[in-house]
N, C-alpha and C. Protein backbone atom coordinates (compact mmCIF):
# COMPACT_ATOMS: atom_id res chain seq x y z
N MET A 1 0.86 -1.19 0.00
CA MET A 1 0.00 0.00 0.00
C MET A 1 0.89 1.24 0.00
N ASP A 2 0.62 2.20 -0.88
CA ASP A 2 1.51 3.34 -0.99
C ASP A 2 1.16 4.41 0.05
N VAL A 3 2.05 5.41 0.15
CA VAL A 3 1.92 6.44 1.17
C VAL A 3 0.66 7.27 0.97
N LEU A 4 0.28 7.52 -0.28
CA LEU A 4 -0.92 8.33 -0.55
C LEU A 4 -2.17 7.67 0.03
N VAL A 5 -2.27 6.35 -0.12
CA VAL A 5 -3.42 5.63 0.44
C VAL A 5 -3.40 5.71 1.96
N TRP A 6 -2.24 5.55 2.56
CA TRP A 6 -2.12 5.68 4.02
C TRP A 6 -2.55 7.07 4.47
N PHE A 7 -2.10 8.08 3.70
CA PHE A 7 -2.45 9.46 4.05
C PHE A 7 -3.97 9.65 4.00
N GLN A 8 -4.60 9.16 2.96
CA GLN A 8 -6.04 9.33 2.81
C GLN A 8 -6.81 8.60 3.91
N ARG A 9 -6.34 7.44 4.30
CA ARG A 9 -7.03 6.66 5.33
C ARG A 9 -6.77 7.20 6.73
N GLY A 10 -5.80 8.10 6.85
CA GLY A 10 -5.51 8.68 8.16
C GLY A 10 -6.54 9.71 8.61
N GLY A 11 -7.29 10.25 7.67
CA GLY A 11 -8.34 11.19 8.04
C GLY A 11 -7.91 12.65 7.93
N VAL A 12 -8.78 13.53 8.41
CA VAL A 12 -8.61 14.96 8.23
C VAL A 12 -7.40 15.51 8.99
N VAL A 13 -7.00 14.86 10.08
CA VAL A 13 -5.86 15.34 10.87
C VAL A 13 -4.55 15.25 10.09
N MET A 14 -4.53 14.44 9.06
CA MET A 14 -3.31 14.31 8.26
C MET A 14 -2.95 15.61 7.54
N TYR A 15 -3.94 16.44 7.26
CA TYR A 15 -3.66 17.67 6.52
C TYR A 15 -2.87 18.69 7.34
N PRO A 16 -3.23 18.96 8.62
CA PRO A 16 -2.35 19.84 9.40
C PRO A 16 -0.97 19.25 9.64
N ILE A 17 -0.88 17.91 9.72
CA ILE A 17 0.44 17.29 9.85
C ILE A 17 1.26 17.53 8.59
N LEU A 18 0.61 17.41 7.43
CA LEU A 18 1.29 17.69 6.17
C LEU A 18 1.74 19.14 6.11
N LEU A 19 0.89 20.06 6.57
CA LEU A 19 1.26 21.48 6.59
C LEU A 19 2.48 21.70 7.48
N CYS A 20 2.49 21.06 8.64
CA CYS A 20 3.65 21.16 9.54
C CYS A 20 4.93 20.69 8.85
N SER A 21 4.82 19.60 8.11
CA SER A 21 6.01 19.06 7.43
C SER A 21 6.52 20.02 6.36
N LEU A 22 5.61 20.62 5.61
CA LEU A 22 6.02 21.55 4.55
C LEU A 22 6.68 22.80 5.13
N VAL A 23 6.06 23.36 6.17
CA VAL A 23 6.63 24.54 6.82
C VAL A 23 7.98 24.20 7.45
N GLY A 24 8.06 23.03 8.08
CA GLY A 24 9.31 22.62 8.70
C GLY A 24 10.44 22.47 7.70
N VAL A 25 10.16 21.83 6.57
CA VAL A 25 11.18 21.65 5.54
C VAL A 25 11.65 23.01 5.00
N TYR A 26 10.70 23.91 4.79
CA TYR A 26 11.06 25.25 4.28
C TYR A 26 11.99 25.97 5.26
N ILE A 27 11.63 25.97 6.55
CA ILE A 27 12.43 26.67 7.55
C ILE A 27 13.81 26.04 7.68
N ILE A 28 13.88 24.72 7.67
CA ILE A 28 15.17 24.03 7.80
C ILE A 28 16.10 24.42 6.65
N ILE A 29 15.59 24.38 5.43
CA ILE A 29 16.43 24.73 4.27
C ILE A 29 16.83 26.20 4.31
N GLU A 30 15.86 27.08 4.61
CA GLU A 30 16.13 28.52 4.63
C GLU A 30 17.14 28.88 5.71
N ARG A 31 16.99 28.30 6.91
CA ARG A 31 17.92 28.59 8.01
C ARG A 31 19.30 27.99 7.73
N TRP A 32 19.35 26.81 7.14
CA TRP A 32 20.64 26.20 6.84
C TRP A 32 21.42 27.06 5.85
N LEU A 33 20.75 27.54 4.82
CA LEU A 33 21.42 28.41 3.85
C LEU A 33 21.86 29.72 4.49
N THR A 34 21.02 30.28 5.37
CA THR A 34 21.36 31.53 6.05
C THR A 34 22.58 31.36 6.95
N LEU A 35 22.60 30.30 7.73
CA LEU A 35 23.72 30.07 8.65
C LEU A 35 25.00 29.71 7.89
N ARG A 36 24.84 29.05 6.77
CA ARG A 36 26.01 28.73 5.96
C ARG A 36 26.66 30.01 5.44
N ALA A 37 25.83 30.98 5.04
CA ALA A 37 26.35 32.25 4.54
C ALA A 37 26.88 33.14 5.66
N ALA A 38 26.48 32.86 6.90
CA ALA A 38 26.84 33.72 8.03
C ALA A 38 28.08 33.26 8.77
N LYS A 39 28.79 32.28 8.25
CA LYS A 39 29.96 31.78 8.97
C LYS A 39 31.00 32.89 9.11
N PRO A 40 31.69 32.94 10.23
CA PRO A 40 32.65 34.02 10.49
C PRO A 40 33.76 34.07 9.44
N PRO A 41 34.30 35.25 9.18
CA PRO A 41 35.39 35.37 8.20
C PRO A 41 36.67 34.72 8.71
N THR A 42 37.59 34.53 7.81
CA THR A 42 38.87 33.90 8.15
C THR A 42 39.76 34.87 8.91
N GLY A 43 40.86 34.33 9.44
CA GLY A 43 41.81 35.18 10.15
C GLY A 43 42.45 36.23 9.26
N ALA A 44 42.47 35.98 7.95
CA ALA A 44 43.05 36.96 7.03
C ALA A 44 42.27 38.27 7.07
N PHE A 45 40.96 38.18 7.25
CA PHE A 45 40.13 39.39 7.34
C PHE A 45 40.52 40.21 8.56
N GLN A 46 40.68 39.55 9.71
CA GLN A 46 41.05 40.26 10.93
C GLN A 46 42.44 40.88 10.82
N LEU A 47 43.37 40.14 10.20
CA LEU A 47 44.73 40.65 10.03
C LEU A 47 44.73 41.89 9.14
N LYS A 48 43.97 41.82 8.05
CA LYS A 48 43.88 42.96 7.14
C LYS A 48 43.25 44.16 7.83
N LEU A 49 42.23 43.90 8.64
CA LEU A 49 41.56 44.98 9.35
C LEU A 49 42.49 45.63 10.36
N ARG A 50 43.26 44.83 11.05
CA ARG A 50 44.18 45.37 12.05
C ARG A 50 45.25 46.25 11.40
N LYS A 51 45.76 45.83 10.25
CA LYS A 51 46.76 46.64 9.56
C LYS A 51 46.20 48.00 9.17
N MET A 52 44.94 48.02 8.77
CA MET A 52 44.31 49.29 8.41
C MET A 52 44.11 50.18 9.64
N LEU A 53 43.77 49.56 10.76
CA LEU A 53 43.62 50.33 11.99
C LEU A 53 44.96 50.87 12.46
N GLU A 54 46.01 50.08 12.30
CA GLU A 54 47.36 50.54 12.66
C GLU A 54 47.77 51.74 11.82
N GLY A 55 47.32 51.76 10.57
CA GLY A 55 47.61 52.89 9.70
C GLY A 55 46.60 54.01 9.80
N ASN A 56 45.65 53.87 10.73
CA ASN A 56 44.59 54.86 10.94
C ASN A 56 43.73 55.06 9.68
N ASN A 57 43.60 54.00 8.88
CA ASN A 57 42.77 54.05 7.67
C ASN A 57 41.35 53.58 8.01
N ILE A 58 40.66 54.40 8.76
CA ILE A 58 39.34 54.01 9.27
C ILE A 58 38.34 53.84 8.12
N GLN A 59 38.36 54.77 7.18
CA GLN A 59 37.42 54.71 6.07
C GLN A 59 37.64 53.44 5.24
N LEU A 60 38.90 53.13 4.98
CA LEU A 60 39.22 51.93 4.21
C LEU A 60 38.83 50.67 4.98
N ALA A 61 39.04 50.68 6.28
CA ALA A 61 38.65 49.54 7.11
C ALA A 61 37.14 49.33 7.07
N GLN A 62 36.41 50.43 7.07
CA GLN A 62 34.95 50.33 7.01
C GLN A 62 34.50 49.76 5.66
N GLU A 63 35.16 50.16 4.60
CA GLU A 63 34.82 49.65 3.27
C GLU A 63 35.09 48.14 3.18
N VAL A 64 36.17 47.70 3.80
CA VAL A 64 36.49 46.27 3.81
C VAL A 64 35.40 45.49 4.55
N CYS A 65 34.92 46.05 5.66
CA CYS A 65 33.84 45.39 6.42
C CYS A 65 32.56 45.30 5.60
N ILE A 66 32.26 46.36 4.87
CA ILE A 66 31.06 46.37 4.04
C ILE A 66 31.18 45.35 2.91
N GLN A 67 32.37 45.27 2.31
CA GLN A 67 32.61 44.33 1.22
C GLN A 67 32.55 42.88 1.70
N GLU A 68 32.80 42.67 2.97
CA GLU A 68 32.76 41.32 3.54
C GLU A 68 31.36 40.71 3.42
N LYS A 69 30.33 41.56 3.48
CA LYS A 69 28.92 41.15 3.32
C LYS A 69 28.57 39.99 4.25
N SER A 70 28.97 40.13 5.49
CA SER A 70 28.65 39.13 6.50
C SER A 70 28.15 39.83 7.75
N PRO A 71 27.45 39.12 8.63
CA PRO A 71 26.98 39.75 9.86
C PRO A 71 28.10 40.36 10.69
N VAL A 72 29.23 39.66 10.81
CA VAL A 72 30.31 40.20 11.63
C VAL A 72 30.91 41.44 10.98
N GLY A 73 30.90 41.50 9.65
CA GLY A 73 31.35 42.71 8.96
C GLY A 73 30.46 43.89 9.28
N ARG A 74 29.15 43.65 9.35
CA ARG A 74 28.21 44.72 9.69
C ARG A 74 28.37 45.16 11.15
N VAL A 75 28.69 44.20 12.03
CA VAL A 75 28.91 44.54 13.44
C VAL A 75 30.11 45.47 13.59
N ILE A 76 31.21 45.11 12.95
CA ILE A 76 32.42 45.93 13.05
C ILE A 76 32.22 47.27 12.37
N SER A 77 31.55 47.27 11.22
CA SER A 77 31.28 48.52 10.50
C SER A 77 30.46 49.48 11.35
N ALA A 78 29.49 48.94 12.09
CA ALA A 78 28.68 49.79 12.96
C ALA A 78 29.53 50.46 14.03
N GLY A 79 30.53 49.73 14.55
CA GLY A 79 31.42 50.32 15.53
C GLY A 79 32.34 51.37 14.93
N LEU A 80 32.85 51.10 13.74
CA LEU A 80 33.75 52.05 13.09
C LEU A 80 33.05 53.35 12.74
N GLU A 81 31.75 53.29 12.49
CA GLU A 81 31.00 54.51 12.20
C GLU A 81 31.00 55.47 13.39
N LYS A 82 31.15 54.92 14.59
CA LYS A 82 31.11 55.74 15.80
C LYS A 82 32.50 55.97 16.39
N ILE A 83 33.54 55.70 15.63
CA ILE A 83 34.88 55.72 16.19
C ILE A 83 35.31 57.12 16.62
N HIS A 84 34.74 58.16 16.01
CA HIS A 84 35.09 59.53 16.39
C HIS A 84 34.27 60.03 17.57
N HIS A 85 33.37 59.19 18.08
CA HIS A 85 32.54 59.58 19.22
C HIS A 85 33.03 58.95 20.52
N GLY A 86 34.16 58.28 20.47
CA GLY A 86 34.71 57.69 21.68
C GLY A 86 34.46 56.19 21.77
N PRO A 87 35.27 55.52 22.57
CA PRO A 87 35.21 54.05 22.66
C PRO A 87 33.89 53.52 23.21
N MET A 88 33.25 54.28 24.11
CA MET A 88 31.98 53.80 24.65
C MET A 88 30.92 53.70 23.56
N ARG A 89 30.88 54.69 22.68
CA ARG A 89 29.91 54.67 21.58
C ARG A 89 30.24 53.56 20.59
N VAL A 90 31.52 53.29 20.39
CA VAL A 90 31.93 52.19 19.50
C VAL A 90 31.41 50.87 20.06
N ARG A 91 31.65 50.66 21.34
CA ARG A 91 31.20 49.42 21.97
C ARG A 91 29.69 49.27 21.89
N GLN A 92 28.97 50.35 22.21
CA GLN A 92 27.51 50.29 22.22
C GLN A 92 26.96 50.00 20.82
N ALA A 93 27.56 50.63 19.81
CA ALA A 93 27.10 50.41 18.43
C ALA A 93 27.32 48.95 18.00
N MET A 94 28.45 48.38 18.39
CA MET A 94 28.74 46.99 18.03
C MET A 94 27.82 46.03 18.78
N GLU A 95 27.54 46.34 20.04
CA GLU A 95 26.62 45.49 20.81
C GLU A 95 25.23 45.51 20.21
N ASP A 96 24.75 46.71 19.86
CA ASP A 96 23.40 46.83 19.29
C ASP A 96 23.29 46.08 17.97
N GLN A 97 24.29 46.29 17.10
CA GLN A 97 24.27 45.61 15.80
C GLN A 97 24.43 44.10 15.98
N GLY A 98 25.24 43.70 16.95
CA GLY A 98 25.44 42.28 17.21
C GLY A 98 24.16 41.59 17.65
N ARG A 99 23.42 42.23 18.54
CA ARG A 99 22.16 41.66 18.98
C ARG A 99 21.18 41.53 17.82
N GLU A 100 21.18 42.53 16.96
CA GLU A 100 20.29 42.49 15.80
C GLU A 100 20.66 41.34 14.86
N GLU A 101 21.94 41.14 14.65
CA GLU A 101 22.39 40.07 13.75
C GLU A 101 22.07 38.69 14.33
N ILE A 102 22.27 38.51 15.63
CA ILE A 102 21.97 37.22 16.25
C ILE A 102 20.48 36.94 16.22
N THR A 103 19.67 37.99 16.41
CA THR A 103 18.22 37.82 16.32
C THR A 103 17.81 37.36 14.93
N LEU A 104 18.47 37.89 13.90
CA LEU A 104 18.17 37.48 12.53
C LEU A 104 18.56 36.02 12.30
N LEU A 105 19.66 35.60 12.90
CA LEU A 105 20.07 34.19 12.77
C LEU A 105 19.09 33.26 13.48
N ASP A 106 18.51 33.75 14.56
CA ASP A 106 17.55 32.96 15.35
C ASP A 106 16.16 32.88 14.73
N ARG A 107 15.91 33.71 13.74
CA ARG A 107 14.56 33.85 13.21
C ARG A 107 13.98 32.51 12.75
N HIS A 108 12.73 32.29 13.11
CA HIS A 108 11.94 31.10 12.74
C HIS A 108 12.32 29.83 13.50
N LEU A 109 13.37 29.87 14.31
CA LEU A 109 13.71 28.66 15.06
C LEU A 109 12.64 28.33 16.09
N GLY A 110 11.97 29.35 16.61
CA GLY A 110 10.87 29.12 17.53
C GLY A 110 9.72 28.37 16.86
N VAL A 111 9.46 28.72 15.60
CA VAL A 111 8.42 28.02 14.84
C VAL A 111 8.81 26.56 14.65
N LEU A 112 10.08 26.33 14.37
CA LEU A 112 10.57 24.96 14.17
C LEU A 112 10.40 24.14 15.45
N ALA A 113 10.70 24.75 16.60
CA ALA A 113 10.51 24.05 17.87
C ALA A 113 9.05 23.71 18.11
N SER A 114 8.17 24.64 17.74
CA SER A 114 6.73 24.40 17.90
C SER A 114 6.26 23.24 17.03
N ILE A 115 6.75 23.20 15.80
CA ILE A 115 6.36 22.11 14.89
C ILE A 115 6.81 20.77 15.44
N ALA A 116 8.02 20.73 16.02
CA ALA A 116 8.55 19.49 16.58
C ALA A 116 7.65 18.95 17.69
N GLY A 117 6.98 19.85 18.41
CA GLY A 117 6.08 19.42 19.46
C GLY A 117 4.66 19.20 19.00
N ILE A 118 4.21 20.02 18.05
CA ILE A 118 2.81 19.97 17.62
C ILE A 118 2.52 18.76 16.73
N ALA A 119 3.44 18.43 15.81
CA ALA A 119 3.17 17.35 14.85
C ALA A 119 2.86 16.01 15.55
N PRO A 120 3.66 15.57 16.53
CA PRO A 120 3.28 14.32 17.22
C PRO A 120 1.96 14.43 17.98
N MET A 121 1.69 15.61 18.56
CA MET A 121 0.43 15.79 19.28
C MET A 121 -0.76 15.70 18.34
N LEU A 122 -0.61 16.26 17.14
CA LEU A 122 -1.67 16.11 16.14
C LEU A 122 -1.87 14.64 15.78
N GLY A 123 -0.75 13.92 15.69
CA GLY A 123 -0.85 12.49 15.40
C GLY A 123 -1.62 11.74 16.48
N PHE A 124 -1.32 12.06 17.74
CA PHE A 124 -2.04 11.42 18.84
C PHE A 124 -3.52 11.78 18.82
N LEU A 125 -3.81 13.04 18.51
CA LEU A 125 -5.21 13.47 18.42
C LEU A 125 -5.95 12.68 17.34
N GLY A 126 -5.29 12.53 16.18
CA GLY A 126 -5.91 11.77 15.10
C GLY A 126 -6.15 10.32 15.49
N THR A 127 -5.21 9.75 16.24
CA THR A 127 -5.39 8.36 16.68
C THR A 127 -6.57 8.22 17.64
N VAL A 128 -6.66 9.14 18.59
CA VAL A 128 -7.76 9.08 19.56
C VAL A 128 -9.11 9.22 18.87
N THR A 129 -9.23 10.24 18.01
CA THR A 129 -10.50 10.43 17.31
C THR A 129 -10.80 9.26 16.38
N GLY A 130 -9.74 8.70 15.76
CA GLY A 130 -9.93 7.55 14.89
C GLY A 130 -10.42 6.33 15.65
N LEU A 131 -9.88 6.12 16.85
CA LEU A 131 -10.33 5.00 17.68
C LEU A 131 -11.78 5.17 18.13
N VAL A 132 -12.14 6.41 18.44
CA VAL A 132 -13.53 6.68 18.83
C VAL A 132 -14.48 6.30 17.69
N VAL A 133 -14.11 6.74 16.48
CA VAL A 133 -14.95 6.43 15.31
C VAL A 133 -14.99 4.93 15.07
N ALA A 134 -13.84 4.25 15.21
CA ALA A 134 -13.78 2.80 14.97
C ALA A 134 -14.68 2.05 15.94
N PHE A 135 -14.60 2.40 17.20
CA PHE A 135 -15.43 1.69 18.19
C PHE A 135 -16.91 2.05 18.07
N GLN A 136 -17.18 3.27 17.63
CA GLN A 136 -18.58 3.62 17.37
C GLN A 136 -19.14 2.77 16.24
N SER A 137 -18.32 2.56 15.21
CA SER A 137 -18.77 1.74 14.08
C SER A 137 -19.00 0.30 14.51
N VAL A 138 -18.12 -0.20 15.36
CA VAL A 138 -18.28 -1.56 15.86
C VAL A 138 -19.54 -1.68 16.70
N ALA A 139 -19.78 -0.68 17.55
CA ALA A 139 -20.96 -0.72 18.41
C ALA A 139 -22.25 -0.64 17.60
N ALA A 140 -22.19 0.11 16.51
CA ALA A 140 -23.39 0.28 15.69
C ALA A 140 -23.63 -0.88 14.75
N ALA A 141 -22.60 -1.71 14.54
CA ALA A 141 -22.75 -2.82 13.59
C ALA A 141 -23.67 -3.88 14.17
N ALA A 142 -24.48 -4.47 13.30
CA ALA A 142 -25.39 -5.53 13.72
C ALA A 142 -24.60 -6.82 13.90
N GLY A 143 -24.88 -7.54 14.91
CA GLY A 143 -24.21 -8.82 15.13
C GLY A 143 -22.87 -8.64 15.80
N GLN A 144 -22.12 -9.71 15.89
CA GLN A 144 -20.82 -9.72 16.55
C GLN A 144 -19.74 -9.29 15.55
N PRO A 145 -18.99 -8.16 15.83
CA PRO A 145 -17.94 -7.73 14.90
C PRO A 145 -16.76 -8.70 14.94
N SER A 146 -16.16 -8.89 13.80
CA SER A 146 -15.01 -9.80 13.72
C SER A 146 -13.75 -9.07 14.17
N PRO A 147 -12.75 -9.80 14.68
CA PRO A 147 -11.47 -9.17 15.05
C PRO A 147 -10.83 -8.45 13.87
N ALA A 148 -11.04 -8.95 12.67
CA ALA A 148 -10.46 -8.30 11.49
C ALA A 148 -11.05 -6.91 11.29
N ASP A 149 -12.35 -6.77 11.48
CA ASP A 149 -12.98 -5.46 11.34
C ASP A 149 -12.44 -4.48 12.37
N LEU A 150 -12.29 -4.94 13.61
CA LEU A 150 -11.77 -4.08 14.67
C LEU A 150 -10.32 -3.69 14.40
N ALA A 151 -9.51 -4.65 13.98
CA ALA A 151 -8.10 -4.38 13.69
C ALA A 151 -7.95 -3.39 12.55
N ASP A 152 -8.81 -3.49 11.54
CA ASP A 152 -8.75 -2.59 10.40
C ASP A 152 -8.98 -1.14 10.84
N GLY A 153 -9.96 -0.94 11.71
CA GLY A 153 -10.23 0.41 12.20
C GLY A 153 -9.11 0.95 13.06
N ILE A 154 -8.49 0.09 13.87
CA ILE A 154 -7.43 0.54 14.77
C ILE A 154 -6.17 0.93 13.99
N TRP A 155 -5.78 0.13 13.00
CA TRP A 155 -4.55 0.47 12.28
C TRP A 155 -4.71 1.74 11.48
N GLU A 156 -5.90 1.98 10.99
CA GLU A 156 -6.14 3.25 10.30
C GLU A 156 -5.97 4.42 11.27
N ALA A 157 -6.49 4.26 12.49
CA ALA A 157 -6.37 5.33 13.48
C ALA A 157 -4.92 5.58 13.86
N LEU A 158 -4.11 4.53 13.92
CA LEU A 158 -2.71 4.67 14.32
C LEU A 158 -1.84 5.34 13.25
N MET A 159 -2.33 5.43 12.03
CA MET A 159 -1.54 6.03 10.96
C MET A 159 -1.20 7.48 11.25
N THR A 160 -2.10 8.22 11.91
CA THR A 160 -1.82 9.63 12.19
C THR A 160 -0.66 9.77 13.18
N THR A 161 -0.59 8.86 14.15
CA THR A 161 0.54 8.90 15.09
C THR A 161 1.85 8.63 14.37
N VAL A 162 1.84 7.67 13.46
CA VAL A 162 3.04 7.37 12.68
C VAL A 162 3.50 8.59 11.90
N PHE A 163 2.59 9.23 11.19
CA PHE A 163 2.95 10.39 10.39
C PHE A 163 3.39 11.56 11.27
N GLY A 164 2.72 11.74 12.41
CA GLY A 164 3.11 12.81 13.32
C GLY A 164 4.53 12.65 13.83
N LEU A 165 4.90 11.41 14.18
CA LEU A 165 6.26 11.15 14.65
C LEU A 165 7.28 11.26 13.53
N VAL A 166 6.90 10.83 12.33
CA VAL A 166 7.80 10.93 11.17
C VAL A 166 8.15 12.39 10.89
N VAL A 167 7.20 13.29 11.12
CA VAL A 167 7.45 14.72 10.93
C VAL A 167 8.18 15.30 12.14
N GLY A 168 7.72 14.99 13.34
CA GLY A 168 8.24 15.63 14.55
C GLY A 168 9.68 15.29 14.89
N ILE A 169 10.07 14.03 14.72
CA ILE A 169 11.42 13.62 15.12
C ILE A 169 12.51 14.30 14.28
N PRO A 170 12.44 14.28 12.94
CA PRO A 170 13.47 14.98 12.16
C PRO A 170 13.48 16.49 12.39
N VAL A 171 12.30 17.08 12.58
CA VAL A 171 12.24 18.53 12.82
C VAL A 171 12.91 18.86 14.16
N ALA A 172 12.68 18.04 15.18
CA ALA A 172 13.33 18.27 16.48
C ALA A 172 14.85 18.17 16.36
N ALA A 173 15.32 17.18 15.60
CA ALA A 173 16.76 17.02 15.40
C ALA A 173 17.34 18.22 14.65
N ALA A 174 16.63 18.67 13.62
CA ALA A 174 17.09 19.83 12.84
C ALA A 174 17.11 21.09 13.70
N TYR A 175 16.10 21.24 14.56
CA TYR A 175 16.05 22.41 15.45
C TYR A 175 17.27 22.46 16.36
N ASN A 176 17.60 21.34 16.98
CA ASN A 176 18.75 21.30 17.89
C ASN A 176 20.06 21.55 17.14
N TYR A 177 20.17 21.02 15.93
CA TYR A 177 21.37 21.25 15.13
C TYR A 177 21.52 22.73 14.79
N LEU A 178 20.43 23.35 14.31
CA LEU A 178 20.48 24.75 13.91
C LEU A 178 20.71 25.66 15.11
N LEU A 179 20.09 25.33 16.24
CA LEU A 179 20.29 26.13 17.45
C LEU A 179 21.75 26.09 17.90
N ASN A 180 22.35 24.91 17.85
CA ASN A 180 23.76 24.78 18.20
C ASN A 180 24.64 25.56 17.24
N LYS A 181 24.25 25.56 15.97
CA LYS A 181 25.00 26.31 14.96
C LYS A 181 24.96 27.80 15.24
N VAL A 182 23.79 28.31 15.62
CA VAL A 182 23.65 29.73 15.96
C VAL A 182 24.54 30.08 17.15
N GLN A 183 24.57 29.23 18.15
CA GLN A 183 25.37 29.49 19.34
C GLN A 183 26.86 29.51 19.01
N ILE A 184 27.30 28.62 18.13
CA ILE A 184 28.70 28.60 17.72
C ILE A 184 29.06 29.87 16.96
N ILE A 185 28.19 30.28 16.04
CA ILE A 185 28.43 31.49 15.26
C ILE A 185 28.44 32.71 16.18
N ALA A 186 27.50 32.77 17.14
CA ALA A 186 27.44 33.90 18.06
C ALA A 186 28.72 34.00 18.89
N SER A 187 29.26 32.87 19.33
CA SER A 187 30.51 32.88 20.09
C SER A 187 31.67 33.38 19.23
N SER A 188 31.68 33.00 17.96
CA SER A 188 32.73 33.46 17.05
C SER A 188 32.63 34.96 16.83
N TYR A 189 31.39 35.45 16.66
CA TYR A 189 31.19 36.89 16.49
C TYR A 189 31.68 37.65 17.72
N GLU A 190 31.38 37.12 18.89
CA GLU A 190 31.78 37.77 20.13
C GLU A 190 33.30 37.86 20.22
N ARG A 191 33.97 36.77 19.87
CA ARG A 191 35.44 36.77 19.92
C ARG A 191 36.03 37.76 18.93
N ILE A 192 35.51 37.78 17.71
CA ILE A 192 36.04 38.69 16.69
C ILE A 192 35.78 40.14 17.09
N ALA A 193 34.59 40.42 17.63
CA ALA A 193 34.27 41.78 18.06
C ALA A 193 35.19 42.22 19.19
N ARG A 194 35.47 41.31 20.12
CA ARG A 194 36.36 41.65 21.23
C ARG A 194 37.77 41.92 20.72
N ASP A 195 38.25 41.09 19.79
CA ASP A 195 39.58 41.31 19.22
C ASP A 195 39.65 42.64 18.48
N THR A 196 38.57 42.97 17.77
CA THR A 196 38.54 44.24 17.03
C THR A 196 38.57 45.42 17.98
N LEU A 197 37.83 45.33 19.08
CA LEU A 197 37.86 46.42 20.06
C LEU A 197 39.24 46.57 20.69
N ASP A 198 39.91 45.45 20.92
CA ASP A 198 41.28 45.52 21.44
C ASP A 198 42.19 46.23 20.44
N ALA A 199 42.01 45.93 19.15
CA ALA A 199 42.81 46.58 18.12
C ALA A 199 42.50 48.07 18.04
N ILE A 200 41.23 48.43 18.17
CA ILE A 200 40.85 49.85 18.15
C ILE A 200 41.46 50.57 19.35
N GLU A 201 41.41 49.94 20.50
CA GLU A 201 42.00 50.54 21.71
C GLU A 201 43.49 50.79 21.53
N GLU A 202 44.16 49.81 20.98
CA GLU A 202 45.61 49.89 20.85
C GLU A 202 46.04 50.83 19.72
N CYS A 203 45.36 50.75 18.58
CA CYS A 203 45.82 51.45 17.38
C CYS A 203 45.21 52.85 17.22
N VAL A 204 43.98 53.03 17.67
CA VAL A 204 43.30 54.31 17.45
C VAL A 204 43.31 55.17 18.70
N TYR A 205 42.90 54.58 19.83
CA TYR A 205 42.84 55.36 21.07
C TYR A 205 44.12 55.23 21.90
N HIS A 206 45.03 54.34 21.49
CA HIS A 206 46.32 54.15 22.16
C HIS A 206 46.17 53.84 23.64
N GLY A 207 45.12 53.07 23.96
CA GLY A 207 44.91 52.65 25.34
C GLY A 207 44.35 53.71 26.25
N LYS A 208 44.00 54.87 25.71
CA LYS A 208 43.49 55.96 26.55
C LYS A 208 41.97 55.92 26.59
N PHE A 209 41.45 55.21 27.57
CA PHE A 209 40.01 55.08 27.75
C PHE A 209 39.58 55.90 28.96
N PRO A 210 38.35 56.39 28.93
CA PRO A 210 37.84 57.08 30.11
C PRO A 210 37.89 56.16 31.32
N SER A 211 38.08 56.75 32.49
CA SER A 211 38.20 55.98 33.72
C SER A 211 36.99 55.10 33.95
N GLY A 212 37.25 53.82 34.24
CA GLY A 212 36.16 52.90 34.56
C GLY A 212 35.47 52.32 33.35
N GLU A 213 35.87 52.69 32.14
CA GLU A 213 35.19 52.19 30.94
C GLU A 213 35.88 50.93 30.46
N GLU A 214 35.18 49.87 30.40
CA GLU A 214 35.74 48.58 30.00
C GLU A 214 35.29 48.25 28.60
N GLU A 215 36.25 48.00 27.72
CA GLU A 215 35.93 47.77 26.32
C GLU A 215 35.77 46.29 26.02
N THR A 216 34.60 45.78 26.27
CA THR A 216 34.27 44.41 25.88
C THR A 216 32.92 44.43 25.23
N VAL A 217 32.75 43.52 24.29
CA VAL A 217 31.48 43.42 23.59
C VAL A 217 30.91 42.04 23.82
N THR A 218 29.68 41.97 24.19
CA THR A 218 29.01 40.70 24.39
C THR A 218 27.87 40.58 23.41
N LEU A 219 27.95 39.60 22.55
CA LEU A 219 26.90 39.37 21.56
C LEU A 219 26.19 38.08 21.93
N ARG A 220 25.39 38.13 22.97
CA ARG A 220 24.73 36.93 23.45
C ARG A 220 23.46 36.66 22.68
N ARG A 221 23.17 35.40 22.51
CA ARG A 221 21.95 34.99 21.82
C ARG A 221 20.75 35.30 22.68
N GLU A 222 19.75 36.01 22.13
CA GLU A 222 18.50 36.26 22.81
C GLU A 222 17.51 35.17 22.43
N GLU A 223 16.47 34.98 23.25
CA GLU A 223 15.47 33.97 22.96
C GLU A 223 14.76 34.30 21.67
N ALA A 224 14.61 33.34 20.79
CA ALA A 224 13.98 33.57 19.49
C ALA A 224 12.50 33.82 19.67
N THR A 225 12.00 34.78 18.92
CA THR A 225 10.57 35.05 18.88
C THR A 225 10.10 34.90 17.47
N ALA A 226 9.07 34.21 17.30
CA ALA A 226 8.57 33.96 15.96
C ALA A 226 7.18 34.52 15.83
């Protein structure tokens, strides 16, 4: 028996499960491509940037960041735009841009987590309603129902649980993989931003910071909202 027949015999609950699978596949592919493009630049980029800062070529350094076309390039560029306003403004600009970039990387992951939980629950719902219908049919049937008739109704009801788990398990695995990927990228961004601020302190401000001002940037992952 092919999958289409199983789907049809599963009942109306199969349609929201199918919708969950389509949305899940779309988000997984879209997020994977986004995170692949967002991988941190190589050490050559940081070395090139530092040489420009040592030469006080701020404008050229900013152009290099823009040409990088990556989230970390935009984070550093945001800080360089405020370089004439003092180190505190540089740090704040990089933190703000960093949070925005991490939020963009997190986008739709909350939906993926919801699908991982909802799809199996829809499957269980379909099974329960299917069993109710099966036993109602048996009760309404004249005479003694055969075990074959009862088994036929039960296996049809169980099909929704099977499909719900088939959708939910891979989506849950993909969610955890993508979430871990975001955390790794965020940690890399944080390290690069901190190294860049150290270079700015040394090459541009020559270590002269206002009293009590600590130049560190934290680009922590915020909870995804979908």
